Amino acid sequence: MRVDCQSHVFPAQYVDILKRNPHPPRAIPQGGEYLVTYGDVQTFRLKPEAYGIERKIRDMNAAGIDMSILSINIHGPEMLVPELGVEGAHICNDFIAEVTQKYPDRFLGLSCLPWQDVPSAIQEMDRAIGELGLRGIMLYSHIGGNPVDAPIYEPIYQHAEELEVPIVLHPTVPTWGEAIKDHWMIPMVGMMVDHSFAMLRLILGGILERYPQLKVVQPHLGGVLPYLMGRIDNQTEVMGRARDHITQAPSKYYQRVYLDTVSPSAIALRYAYEFAGSNRLLFGSDHPWVDISSFVKLIEEMDIPSEDKDKIFGLNAQRLFKIS
């Protein structure tokens, strides 16, 4: 089985929620498409037909993908005012559950939560995982501008560990996007750096220390962290910095983190393979933003044992997301 661990959808009903948000981010209909805007910092143009489920199945078939794990394209409901966040999470999770129930052999889903309302987030987690059968939780690189390791969110991490469901950390437009809004540098580099900051916060803030059974996925080959981990360890272990909430080197915690293979670089993919090993890599495509086949080809052309390719293409995902 080949499993795509990063594949996005965008429910039409969710657009109506985004239109009602009183501040950015918002969605603006324009000629049959939608502009998802973060004020004057960043705008993305979304074409509804690109997110169609039948098209996704056709693209999966063409690339030889058996199953995709669906998640909401940025941004999630945690960026909205609380009342819309709760409503938006319900709509998104119901939509993904409906797709997975209609095509149980092709799709599984990840839940999104109204993180800005912690009691509602825990309630929605129970509904999405326990009742709807979704297999994980989406966490974006900040929660309406708040850091992911803020103490208020501790109960959510604790409950996710209790339910034994992985958290998938996905980039979004950074709070400091104003500084790099020119030349499309936000999606080009900014998102990769921002979700690396978020992952480092989960480590240095002690989340992975306090919840040792919590499983986390960091997409896009880990952003910049694999290439900087030596420096990060040096800062904590030699310089004695940022040790307040951890008892081990950051790299020790990072050994528990899965990376997905969404990167168009064969060199970066090879480095991630040597850095993380074959047991912690998950195939992903970021569909429909990119062509699935191009990412399949990168794995197929790697000069590594076939059993390692099998792990990356599906066996690791089957274990992590409990796919039978």
C-alpha atoms as a PDB file:
ATOM      1  CA  MET A   1       0.000   0.000   0.000  1.00  0.00           C
ATOM      2  CA  ARG A   2       1.209   3.501  -0.906  1.00  0.00           C
ATOM      3  CA  VAL A   3      -0.126   6.238   1.367  1.00  0.00           C
ATOM      4  CA  ASP A   4      -0.012   9.981   0.718  1.00  0.00           C
ATOM      5  CA  CYS A   5       0.193  11.601   4.154  1.00  0.00           C
ATOM      6  CA  GLN A   6      -0.273  15.212   3.015  1.00  0.00           C
ATOM      7  CA  SER A   7      -3.270  15.771   0.767  1.00  0.00           C
ATOM      8  CA  HIS A   8      -5.562  18.750   1.148  1.00  0.00           C
ATOM      9  CA  VAL A   9      -9.237  19.558   0.731  1.00  0.00           C
ATOM     10  CA  PHE A  10     -11.172  22.787   1.048  1.00  0.00           C
ATOM     11  CA  PRO A  11     -14.909  22.368   1.767  1.00  0.00           C
ATOM     12  CA  ALA A  12     -17.203  24.886   0.088  1.00  0.00           C
ATOM     13  CA  GLN A  13     -19.088  25.399   3.369  1.00  0.00           C
ATOM     14  CA  TYR A  14     -15.843  26.358   5.054  1.00  0.00           C
ATOM     15  CA  VAL A  15     -15.475  29.236   2.606  1.00  0.00           C
ATOM     16  CA  ASP A  16     -18.733  30.654   3.954  1.00  0.00           C
ATOM     17  CA  ILE A  17     -17.225  30.567   7.447  1.00  0.00           C
ATOM     18  CA  LEU A  18     -14.082  32.370   6.275  1.00  0.00           C
ATOM     19  CA  LYS A  19     -16.184  35.059   4.580  1.00  0.00           C
ATOM     20  CA  ARG A  20     -17.780  35.827   7.953  1.00  0.00           C
ATOM     21  CA  ASN A  21     -14.527  36.194   9.879  1.00  0.00           C
ATOM     22  CA  PRO A  22     -14.337  39.860  10.968  1.00  0.00           C
ATOM     23  CA  HIS A  23     -10.569  40.097  10.481  1.00  0.00           C
ATOM     24  CA  PRO A  24      -7.932  38.435   8.305  1.00  0.00           C
ATOM     25  CA  PRO A  25      -7.617  35.700   7.307  1.00  0.00           C
ATOM     26  CA  ARG A  26     -10.732  35.762   5.183  1.00  0.00           C
ATOM     27  CA  ALA A  27     -12.025  34.294   1.923  1.00  0.00           C
ATOM     28  CA  ILE A  28     -13.250  36.514  -0.899  1.00  0.00           C
ATOM     29  CA  PRO A  29     -15.179  35.002  -3.840  1.00  0.00           C
ATOM     30  CA  GLN A  30     -13.837  36.170  -7.188  1.00  0.00           C
ATOM     31  CA  GLY A  31     -15.030  34.877 -10.529  1.00  0.00           C
ATOM     32  CA  GLY A  32     -15.773  31.315  -9.418  1.00  0.00           C
ATOM     33  CA  GLU A  33     -12.543  31.145  -7.411  1.00  0.00           C
ATOM     34  CA  TYR A  34     -11.613  32.236  -3.908  1.00  0.00           C
ATOM     35  CA  LEU A  35      -8.958  34.588  -2.664  1.00  0.00           C
ATOM     36  CA  VAL A  36      -7.804  33.497   0.767  1.00  0.00           C
ATOM     37  CA  THR A  37      -6.255  36.647   2.126  1.00  0.00           C
ATOM     38  CA  TYR A  38      -4.143  37.430   5.160  1.00  0.00           C
ATOM     39  CA  GLY A  39      -4.734  41.149   4.904  1.00  0.00           C
ATOM     40  CA  ASP A  40      -2.075  42.824   2.781  1.00  0.00           C
ATOM     41  CA  VAL A  41       0.561  40.270   3.828  1.00  0.00           C
ATOM     42  CA  GLN A  42      -0.327  37.249   1.664  1.00  0.00           C
ATOM     43  CA  THR A  43      -3.072  36.125  -0.702  1.00  0.00           C
ATOM     44  CA  PHE A  44      -3.654  32.679  -2.178  1.00  0.00           C
ATOM     45  CA  ARG A  45      -5.978  31.938  -5.091  1.00  0.00           C
ATOM     46  CA  LEU A  46      -7.927  28.690  -4.693  1.00  0.00           C
ATOM     47  CA  LYS A  47      -9.785  26.987  -7.526  1.00  0.00           C
ATOM     48  CA  PRO A  48     -12.608  24.787  -6.205  1.00  0.00           C
ATOM     49  CA  GLU A  49     -12.269  22.254  -9.016  1.00  0.00           C
ATOM     50  CA  ALA A  50      -8.654  21.590  -7.993  1.00  0.00           C
ATOM     51  CA  TYR A  51      -9.914  20.260  -4.656  1.00  0.00           C
ATOM     52  CA  GLY A  52     -12.602  18.006  -6.113  1.00  0.00           C
ATOM     53  CA  ILE A  53     -12.549  14.488  -4.698  1.00  0.00           C
ATOM     54  CA  GLU A  54     -13.032  12.790  -8.058  1.00  0.00           C
ATOM     55  CA  ARG A  55     -10.067  14.696  -9.453  1.00  0.00           C
ATOM     56  CA  LYS A  56      -8.013  13.716  -6.415  1.00  0.00           C
ATOM     57  CA  ILE A  57      -8.825  10.059  -7.029  1.00  0.00           C
ATOM     58  CA  ARG A  58      -7.821  10.368 -10.680  1.00  0.00           C
ATOM     59  CA  ASP A  59      -4.514  11.973  -9.706  1.00  0.00           C
ATOM     60  CA  MET A  60      -3.909   9.296  -7.074  1.00  0.00           C
ATOM     61  CA  ASN A  61      -4.571   6.553  -9.621  1.00  0.00           C
ATOM     62  CA  ALA A  62      -2.203   8.137 -12.127  1.00  0.00           C
ATOM     63  CA  ALA A  63       0.552   8.272  -9.503  1.00  0.00           C
ATOM     64  CA  GLY A  64      -0.060   4.801  -8.082  1.00  0.00           C
ATOM     65  CA  ILE A  65      -1.264   6.034  -4.684  1.00  0.00           C
ATOM     66  CA  ASP A  66      -3.630   3.697  -2.866  1.00  0.00           C
ATOM     67  CA  MET A  67      -4.751   5.946  -0.020  1.00  0.00           C
ATOM     68  CA  SER A  68      -4.529   9.615   0.915  1.00  0.00           C
ATOM     69  CA  ILE A  69      -4.841  11.147   4.373  1.00  0.00           C
ATOM     70  CA  LEU A  70      -6.923  14.285   3.964  1.00  0.00           C
ATOM     71  CA  SER A  71      -6.521  17.537   5.839  1.00  0.00           C
ATOM     72  CA  ILE A  72      -7.833  21.077   5.501  1.00  0.00           C
ATOM     73  CA  ASN A  73      -5.734  23.421   3.437  1.00  0.00           C
ATOM     74  CA  ILE A  74      -4.522  26.485   5.292  1.00  0.00           C
ATOM     75  CA  HIS A  75      -5.794  28.101   7.183  1.00  0.00           C
ATOM     76  CA  GLY A  76      -7.458  26.072   9.883  1.00  0.00           C
ATOM     77  CA  PRO A  77     -10.272  27.222  12.188  1.00  0.00           C
ATOM     78  CA  GLU A  78      -7.788  28.127  14.929  1.00  0.00           C
ATOM     79  CA  MET A  79      -7.212  31.423  13.067  1.00  0.00           C
ATOM     80  CA  LEU A  80     -10.856  32.536  13.369  1.00  0.00           C
ATOM     81  CA  VAL A  81     -12.808  34.229  16.116  1.00  0.00           C
ATOM     82  CA  PRO A  82     -13.772  31.548  18.687  1.00  0.00           C
ATOM     83  CA  GLU A  83     -17.418  31.100  17.728  1.00  0.00           C
ATOM     84  CA  LEU A  84     -16.521  30.694  14.063  1.00  0.00           C
ATOM     85  CA  GLY A  85     -13.604  28.449  14.977  1.00  0.00           C
ATOM     86  CA  VAL A  86     -15.920  25.938  16.629  1.00  0.00           C
ATOM     87  CA  GLU A  87     -18.385  26.062  13.737  1.00  0.00           C
ATOM     88  CA  GLY A  88     -15.596  25.837  11.173  1.00  0.00           C
ATOM     89  CA  ALA A  89     -14.016  22.802  12.845  1.00  0.00           C
ATOM     90  CA  HIS A  90     -17.370  20.994  12.811  1.00  0.00           C
ATOM     91  CA  ILE A  91     -17.886  21.732   9.127  1.00  0.00           C
ATOM     92  CA  CYS A  92     -14.369  20.670   8.133  1.00  0.00           C
ATOM     93  CA  ASN A  93     -14.347  17.474  10.164  1.00  0.00           C
ATOM     94  CA  ASP A  94     -17.820  16.491   9.000  1.00  0.00           C
ATOM     95  CA  PHE A  95     -16.762  17.028   5.391  1.00  0.00           C
ATOM     96  CA  ILE A  96     -13.621  14.918   5.722  1.00  0.00           C
ATOM     97  CA  ALA A  97     -15.544  12.193   7.555  1.00  0.00           C
ATOM     98  CA  GLU A  98     -18.159  12.150   4.797  1.00  0.00           C
ATOM     99  CA  VAL A  99     -15.459  11.663   2.149  1.00  0.00           C
ATOM    100  CA  THR A 100     -13.709   8.915   4.107  1.00  0.00           C
ATOM    101  CA  GLN A 101     -16.999   7.102   4.670  1.00  0.00           C
ATOM    102  CA  LYS A 102     -17.892   7.317   0.986  1.00  0.00           C
ATOM    103  CA  TYR A 103     -14.439   6.092  -0.113  1.00  0.00           C
ATOM    104  CA  PRO A 104     -13.152   4.032   2.837  1.00  0.00           C
ATOM    105  CA  ASP A 105     -10.520   2.263   0.721  1.00  0.00           C
ATOM    106  CA  ARG A 106      -9.047   5.512  -0.621  1.00  0.00           C
ATOM    107  CA  PHE A 107      -9.148   8.098   2.147  1.00  0.00           C
ATOM    108  CA  LEU A 108      -8.523   8.660   5.839  1.00  0.00           C
ATOM    109  CA  GLY A 109      -8.723  12.020   7.534  1.00  0.00           C
ATOM    110  CA  LEU A 110      -7.084  14.362  10.009  1.00  0.00           C
ATOM    111  CA  SER A 111      -9.196  16.526  12.273  1.00  0.00           C
ATOM    112  CA  CYS A 112      -8.848  20.250  12.784  1.00  0.00           C
ATOM    113  CA  LEU A 113      -9.667  21.825  16.128  1.00  0.00           C
ATOM    114  CA  PRO A 114     -10.735  25.211  17.487  1.00  0.00           C
ATOM    115  CA  TRP A 115      -7.506  25.465  19.477  1.00  0.00           C
ATOM    116  CA  GLN A 116      -8.409  29.008  20.580  1.00  0.00           C
ATOM    117  CA  ASP A 117     -11.244  27.524  22.691  1.00  0.00           C
ATOM    118  CA  VAL A 118      -9.569  24.706  24.625  1.00  0.00           C
ATOM    119  CA  PRO A 119     -12.671  23.029  26.149  1.00  0.00           C
ATOM    120  CA  SER A 120     -14.358  23.047  22.726  1.00  0.00           C
ATOM    121  CA  ALA A 121     -11.176  21.742  21.119  1.00  0.00           C
ATOM    122  CA  ILE A 122     -11.077  18.756  23.451  1.00  0.00           C
ATOM    123  CA  GLN A 123     -14.767  18.121  22.872  1.00  0.00           C
ATOM    124  CA  GLU A 124     -14.269  18.286  19.120  1.00  0.00           C
ATOM    125  CA  MET A 125     -11.234  15.992  19.346  1.00  0.00           C
ATOM    126  CA  ASP A 126     -13.377  13.357  21.050  1.00  0.00           C
ATOM    127  CA  ARG A 127     -16.082  13.738  18.409  1.00  0.00           C
ATOM    128  CA  ALA A 128     -13.711  13.719  15.450  1.00  0.00           C
ATOM    129  CA  ILE A 129     -11.607  10.791  16.634  1.00  0.00           C
ATOM    130  CA  GLY A 130     -14.168   8.773  18.559  1.00  0.00           C
ATOM    131  CA  GLU A 131     -17.319   9.309  16.491  1.00  0.00           C
ATOM    132  CA  LEU A 132     -16.106  10.304  13.018  1.00  0.00           C
ATOM    133  CA  GLY A 133     -13.112   7.976  12.923  1.00  0.00           C
ATOM    134  CA  LEU A 134     -10.493  10.555  11.941  1.00  0.00           C
ATOM    135  CA  ARG A 135      -6.899   9.492  12.580  1.00  0.00           C
ATOM    136  CA  GLY A 136      -4.975  12.524  13.765  1.00  0.00           C
ATOM    137  CA  ILE A 137      -4.983  16.211  14.633  1.00  0.00           C
ATOM    138  CA  MET A 138      -3.816  19.186  12.613  1.00  0.00           C
ATOM    139  CA  LEU A 139      -1.733  21.814  14.388  1.00  0.00           C
ATOM    140  CA  TYR A 140      -0.580  24.883  12.505  1.00  0.00           C
ATOM    141  CA  SER A 141       2.614  26.779  13.242  1.00  0.00           C
ATOM    142  CA  HIS A 142       0.813  29.321  15.406  1.00  0.00           C
ATOM    143  CA  ILE A 143      -2.657  29.519  16.881  1.00  0.00           C
ATOM    144  CA  GLY A 144      -4.132  32.833  15.891  1.00  0.00           C
ATOM    145  CA  GLY A 145      -0.761  34.408  16.621  1.00  0.00           C
ATOM    146  CA  ASN A 146      -0.163  32.525  19.874  1.00  0.00           C
ATOM    147  CA  PRO A 147       2.799  30.121  20.181  1.00  0.00           C
ATOM    148  CA  VAL A 148       2.049  26.411  20.062  1.00  0.00           C
ATOM    149  CA  ASP A 149       3.717  25.792  23.444  1.00  0.00           C
ATOM    150  CA  ALA A 150       1.615  28.345  25.345  1.00  0.00           C
ATOM    151  CA  PRO A 151       0.482  26.772  28.658  1.00  0.00           C
ATOM    152  CA  ILE A 152      -3.198  27.203  27.788  1.00  0.00           C
ATOM    153  CA  TYR A 153      -2.956  24.422  25.163  1.00  0.00           C
ATOM    154  CA  GLU A 154      -1.441  21.857  27.513  1.00  0.00           C
ATOM    155  CA  PRO A 155      -4.735  19.951  28.022  1.00  0.00           C
ATOM    156  CA  ILE A 156      -5.018  19.398  24.262  1.00  0.00           C
ATOM    157  CA  TYR A 157      -1.592  17.758  24.055  1.00  0.00           C
ATOM    158  CA  GLN A 158      -2.349  15.682  27.122  1.00  0.00           C
ATOM    159  CA  HIS A 159      -5.619  14.459  25.640  1.00  0.00           C
ATOM    160  CA  ALA A 160      -4.026  13.682  22.281  1.00  0.00           C
ATOM    161  CA  GLU A 161      -1.477  11.504  24.049  1.00  0.00           C
ATOM    162  CA  GLU A 162      -4.247   9.745  25.961  1.00  0.00           C
ATOM    163  CA  LEU A 163      -6.127   9.036  22.726  1.00  0.00           C
ATOM    164  CA  GLU A 164      -2.910   7.873  21.040  1.00  0.00           C
ATOM    165  CA  VAL A 165      -3.473  10.032  17.973  1.00  0.00           C
ATOM    166  CA  PRO A 166      -0.635  11.822  16.152  1.00  0.00           C
ATOM    167  CA  ILE A 167      -0.418  15.566  15.764  1.00  0.00           C
ATOM    168  CA  VAL A 168       0.567  16.840  12.307  1.00  0.00           C
ATOM    169  CA  LEU A 169       2.312  20.208  12.471  1.00  0.00           C
ATOM    170  CA  HIS A 170       1.605  22.155   9.283  1.00  0.00           C
ATOM    171  CA  PRO A 171       2.939  25.555   8.229  1.00  0.00           C
ATOM    172  CA  THR A 172       0.789  28.629   7.843  1.00  0.00           C
ATOM    173  CA  VAL A 173       1.449  32.295   7.133  1.00  0.00           C
ATOM    174  CA  PRO A 174       3.808  33.477   9.898  1.00  0.00           C
ATOM    175  CA  THR A 175       2.993  36.257  12.316  1.00  0.00           C
ATOM    176  CA  TRP A 176       6.117  38.027  11.059  1.00  0.00           C
ATOM    177  CA  GLY A 177       5.065  37.724   7.420  1.00  0.00           C
ATOM    178  CA  GLU A 178       5.103  41.498   6.933  1.00  0.00           C
ATOM    179  CA  ALA A 179       8.910  41.369   6.921  1.00  0.00           C
ATOM    180  CA  ILE A 180       9.048  38.927   3.994  1.00  0.00           C
ATOM    181  CA  LYS A 181       5.846  39.566   2.061  1.00  0.00           C
ATOM    182  CA  ASP A 182       7.693  40.672  -1.074  1.00  0.00           C
ATOM    183  CA  HIS A 183       8.710  38.301  -3.882  1.00  0.00           C
ATOM    184  CA  TRP A 184       6.488  35.433  -2.590  1.00  0.00           C
ATOM    185  CA  MET A 185       9.061  34.755   0.138  1.00  0.00           C
ATOM    186  CA  ILE A 186       6.360  33.677   2.601  1.00  0.00           C
ATOM    187  CA  PRO A 187       5.446  30.380   0.856  1.00  0.00           C
ATOM    188  CA  MET A 188       8.925  30.121  -0.615  1.00  0.00           C
ATOM    189  CA  VAL A 189      10.839  30.175   2.697  1.00  0.00           C
ATOM    190  CA  GLY A 190       8.844  31.800   5.490  1.00  0.00           C
ATOM    191  CA  MET A 191       6.446  28.930   6.091  1.00  0.00           C
ATOM    192  CA  MET A 192       9.283  26.414   6.277  1.00  0.00           C
ATOM    193  CA  VAL A 193      11.090  28.510   8.874  1.00  0.00           C
ATOM    194  CA  ASP A 194       7.930  29.268  10.860  1.00  0.00           C
ATOM    195  CA  HIS A 195       6.833  25.669  11.297  1.00  0.00           C
ATOM    196  CA  SER A 196      10.420  24.850  12.273  1.00  0.00           C
ATOM    197  CA  PHE A 197      10.120  27.461  15.023  1.00  0.00           C
ATOM    198  CA  ALA A 198       6.868  25.792  16.086  1.00  0.00           C
ATOM    199  CA  MET A 199       8.462  22.333  16.205  1.00  0.00           C
ATOM    200  CA  LEU A 200      11.355  23.717  18.225  1.00  0.00           C
ATOM    201  CA  ARG A 201       8.860  25.254  20.643  1.00  0.00           C
ATOM    202  CA  LEU A 202       7.250  21.850  21.171  1.00  0.00           C
ATOM    203  CA  ILE A 203      10.698  20.571  22.122  1.00  0.00           C
ATOM    204  CA  LEU A 204      12.167  23.483  24.096  1.00  0.00           C
ATOM    205  CA  GLY A 205       8.825  24.318  25.698  1.00  0.00           C
ATOM    206  CA  GLY A 206       8.753  20.833  27.173  1.00  0.00           C
ATOM    207  CA  ILE A 207       5.685  19.448  25.386  1.00  0.00           C
ATOM    208  CA  LEU A 208       7.562  16.357  24.188  1.00  0.00           C
ATOM    209  CA  GLU A 209       9.244  16.075  27.591  1.00  0.00           C
ATOM    210  CA  ARG A 210       5.956  16.008  29.491  1.00  0.00           C
ATOM    211  CA  TYR A 211       4.133  13.811  26.968  1.00  0.00           C
ATOM    212  CA  PRO A 212       6.659  11.154  25.969  1.00  0.00           C
ATOM    213  CA  GLN A 213       4.101   9.051  24.087  1.00  0.00           C
ATOM    214  CA  LEU A 214       2.865  11.928  21.949  1.00  0.00           C
ATOM    215  CA  LYS A 215       3.497  11.359  18.236  1.00  0.00           C
ATOM    216  CA  VAL A 216       4.256  14.377  16.027  1.00  0.00           C
ATOM    217  CA  VAL A 217       4.681  14.714  12.264  1.00  0.00           C
ATOM    218  CA  GLN A 218       6.608  17.652  10.818  1.00  0.00           C
ATOM    219  CA  PRO A 219       6.026  17.939   7.051  1.00  0.00           C
ATOM    220  CA  HIS A 220       8.351  19.232   4.352  1.00  0.00           C
ATOM    221  CA  LEU A 221      11.369  17.205   5.482  1.00  0.00           C
ATOM    222  CA  GLY A 222      11.328  19.009   8.816  1.00  0.00           C
ATOM    223  CA  GLY A 223      11.676  22.503   7.383  1.00  0.00           C
ATOM    224  CA  VAL A 224      15.123  23.731   8.417  1.00  0.00           C
ATOM    225  CA  LEU A 225      15.523  21.788  11.667  1.00  0.00           C
ATOM    226  CA  PRO A 226      17.452  18.726  10.367  1.00  0.00           C
ATOM    227  CA  TYR A 227      20.109  21.047   8.961  1.00  0.00           C
ATOM    228  CA  LEU A 228      20.387  23.088  12.170  1.00  0.00           C
ATOM    229  CA  MET A 229      20.018  20.369  14.800  1.00  0.00           C
ATOM    230  CA  GLY A 230      23.749  20.249  15.484  1.00  0.00           C
ATOM    231  CA  ARG A 231      23.765  23.956  16.284  1.00  0.00           C
ATOM    232  CA  ILE A 232      20.612  23.631  18.381  1.00  0.00           C
ATOM    233  CA  ASP A 233      22.156  20.838  20.467  1.00  0.00           C
ATOM    234  CA  ASN A 234      25.320  22.877  20.875  1.00  0.00           C
ATOM    235  CA  GLN A 235      23.290  25.781  22.222  1.00  0.00           C
ATOM    236  CA  THR A 236      21.561  23.663  24.864  1.00  0.00           C
ATOM    237  CA  GLU A 237      24.249  21.118  25.746  1.00  0.00           C
ATOM    238  CA  VAL A 238      27.426  23.224  25.469  1.00  0.00           C
ATOM    239  CA  MET A 239      26.191  26.784  25.965  1.00  0.00           C
ATOM    240  CA  GLY A 240      23.612  25.737  28.564  1.00  0.00           C
ATOM    241  CA  ARG A 241      20.795  27.715  26.985  1.00  0.00           C
ATOM    242  CA  ALA A 242      17.056  26.900  26.843  1.00  0.00           C
ATOM    243  CA  ARG A 243      17.327  24.020  29.332  1.00  0.00           C
ATOM    244  CA  ASP A 244      14.432  25.155  31.534  1.00  0.00           C
ATOM    245  CA  HIS A 245      11.885  22.608  30.280  1.00  0.00           C
ATOM    246  CA  ILE A 246      13.992  19.756  28.913  1.00  0.00           C
ATOM    247  CA  THR A 247      16.242  17.080  30.385  1.00  0.00           C
ATOM    248  CA  GLN A 248      17.757  15.782  27.141  1.00  0.00           C
ATOM    249  CA  ALA A 249      19.344  17.253  24.034  1.00  0.00           C
ATOM    250  CA  PRO A 250      16.760  18.556  21.524  1.00  0.00           C
ATOM    251  CA  SER A 251      17.904  15.966  18.991  1.00  0.00           C
ATOM    252  CA  LYS A 252      16.796  13.199  21.365  1.00  0.00           C
ATOM    253  CA  TYR A 253      13.213  14.467  21.327  1.00  0.00           C
ATOM    254  CA  TYR A 254      13.387  15.008  17.587  1.00  0.00           C
ATOM    255  CA  GLN A 255      14.124  11.315  17.135  1.00  0.00           C
ATOM    256  CA  ARG A 256      10.433  10.748  17.937  1.00  0.00           C
ATOM    257  CA  VAL A 257       9.236  13.116  15.198  1.00  0.00           C
ATOM    258  CA  TYR A 258       8.169  11.861  11.763  1.00  0.00           C
ATOM    259  CA  LEU A 259       9.011  13.875   8.659  1.00  0.00           C
ATOM    260  CA  ASP A 260       7.067  13.799   5.429  1.00  0.00           C
ATOM    261  CA  THR A 261       8.757  13.893   2.040  1.00  0.00           C
ATOM    262  CA  VAL A 262       7.123  16.995   0.564  1.00  0.00           C
ATOM    263  CA  SER A 263      10.171  18.618  -0.988  1.00  0.00           C
ATOM    264  CA  PRO A 264      11.058  18.855  -4.683  1.00  0.00           C
ATOM    265  CA  SER A 265      14.761  18.333  -3.960  1.00  0.00           C
ATOM    266  CA  ALA A 266      16.432  14.948  -4.326  1.00  0.00           C
ATOM    267  CA  ILE A 267      19.440  16.221  -2.358  1.00  0.00           C
ATOM    268  CA  ALA A 268      17.284  17.393   0.557  1.00  0.00           C
ATOM    269  CA  LEU A 269      15.377  14.101   0.492  1.00  0.00           C
ATOM    270  CA  ARG A 270      18.620  12.138   0.680  1.00  0.00           C
ATOM    271  CA  TYR A 271      19.799  14.236   3.610  1.00  0.00           C
ATOM    272  CA  ALA A 272      16.518  13.675   5.464  1.00  0.00           C
ATOM    273  CA  TYR A 273      16.800   9.939   4.841  1.00  0.00           C
ATOM    274  CA  GLU A 274      20.297   9.853   6.296  1.00  0.00           C
ATOM    275  CA  PHE A 275      19.305  12.169   9.155  1.00  0.00           C
ATOM    276  CA  ALA A 276      16.052  10.504  10.235  1.00  0.00           C
ATOM    277  CA  GLY A 277      16.376   6.987   8.840  1.00  0.00           C
ATOM    278  CA  SER A 278      13.794   5.031   6.920  1.00  0.00           C
ATOM    279  CA  ASN A 279      11.483   4.448   9.910  1.00  0.00           C
ATOM    280  CA  ARG A 280      10.520   8.100  10.369  1.00  0.00           C
ATOM    281  CA  LEU A 281       9.838   9.231   6.803  1.00  0.00           C
ATOM    282  CA  LEU A 282       6.297   9.421   5.422  1.00  0.00           C
ATOM    283  CA  PHE A 283       5.442   9.897   1.772  1.00  0.00           C
ATOM    284  CA  GLY A 284       3.529  13.118   1.098  1.00  0.00           C
ATOM    285  CA  SER A 285       2.636  15.211  -1.938  1.00  0.00           C
ATOM    286  CA  ASP A 286       0.822  18.408  -0.815  1.00  0.00           C
ATOM    287  CA  HIS A 287      -1.836  17.702  -3.462  1.00  0.00           C
ATOM    288  CA  PRO A 288      -3.471  19.559  -5.182  1.00  0.00           C
ATOM    289  CA  TRP A 289      -0.776  22.234  -5.073  1.00  0.00           C
ATOM    290  CA  VAL A 290       1.674  19.940  -6.853  1.00  0.00           C
ATOM    291  CA  ASP A 291       1.763  16.852  -9.054  1.00  0.00           C
ATOM    292  CA  ILE A 292       1.813  13.658  -6.980  1.00  0.00           C
ATOM    293  CA  SER A 293       3.836  11.723  -9.550  1.00  0.00           C
ATOM    294  CA  SER A 294       6.844  14.027  -9.240  1.00  0.00           C
ATOM    295  CA  PHE A 295       7.182  13.175  -5.555  1.00  0.00           C
ATOM    296  CA  VAL A 296       6.664   9.479  -6.208  1.00  0.00           C
ATOM    297  CA  LYS A 297       9.475   9.594  -8.753  1.00  0.00           C
ATOM    298  CA  LEU A 298      11.870  11.156  -6.244  1.00  0.00           C
ATOM    299  CA  ILE A 299      11.398   8.220  -3.864  1.00  0.00           C
ATOM    300  CA  GLU A 300      11.537   5.610  -6.600  1.00  0.00           C
ATOM    301  CA  GLU A 301      14.824   7.001  -7.907  1.00  0.00           C
ATOM    302  CA  MET A 302      16.554   6.968  -4.522  1.00  0.00           C
ATOM    303  CA  ASP A 303      19.473   4.557  -4.286  1.00  0.00           C
ATOM    304  CA  ILE A 304      18.260   2.877  -1.107  1.00  0.00           C
ATOM    305  CA  PRO A 305      17.025  -0.637  -0.261  1.00  0.00           C
ATOM    306  CA  SER A 306      13.577  -1.508  -1.576  1.00  0.00           C
ATOM    307  CA  GLU A 307      12.407  -2.330   1.935  1.00  0.00           C
ATOM    308  CA  ASP A 308      13.210   1.252   2.971  1.00  0.00           C
ATOM    309  CA  LYS A 309      11.153   2.568   0.062  1.00  0.00           C
ATOM    310  CA  ASP A 310       8.275   0.362   1.216  1.00  0.00           C
ATOM    311  CA  LYS A 311       8.494   1.936   4.668  1.00  0.00           C
ATOM    312  CA  ILE A 312       8.496   5.459   3.269  1.00  0.00           C
ATOM    313  CA  PHE A 313       5.703   4.817   0.769  1.00  0.00           C
ATOM    314  CA  GLY A 314       3.322   3.200   3.221  1.00  0.00           C
ATOM    315  CA  LEU A 315       4.463   0.949   6.038  1.00  0.00           C
ATOM    316  CA  ASN A 316       5.398   3.809   8.362  1.00  0.00           C
ATOM    317  CA  ALA A 317       2.052   5.511   7.737  1.00  0.00           C
ATOM    318  CA  GLN A 318       0.178   2.281   8.323  1.00  0.00           C
ATOM    319  CA  ARG A 319       1.828   1.959  11.713  1.00  0.00           C
ATOM    320  CA  LEU A 320       1.489   5.599  12.738  1.00  0.00           C
ATOM    321  CA  PHE A 321      -2.117   6.135  11.609  1.00  0.00           C
ATOM    322  CA  LYS A 322      -3.243   2.591  12.432  1.00  0.00           C
ATOM    323  CA  ILE A 323      -4.185   1.636   8.882  1.00  0.00           C
ATOM    324  CA  SER A 324      -5.113  -2.007   8.580  1.00  0.00           C
END
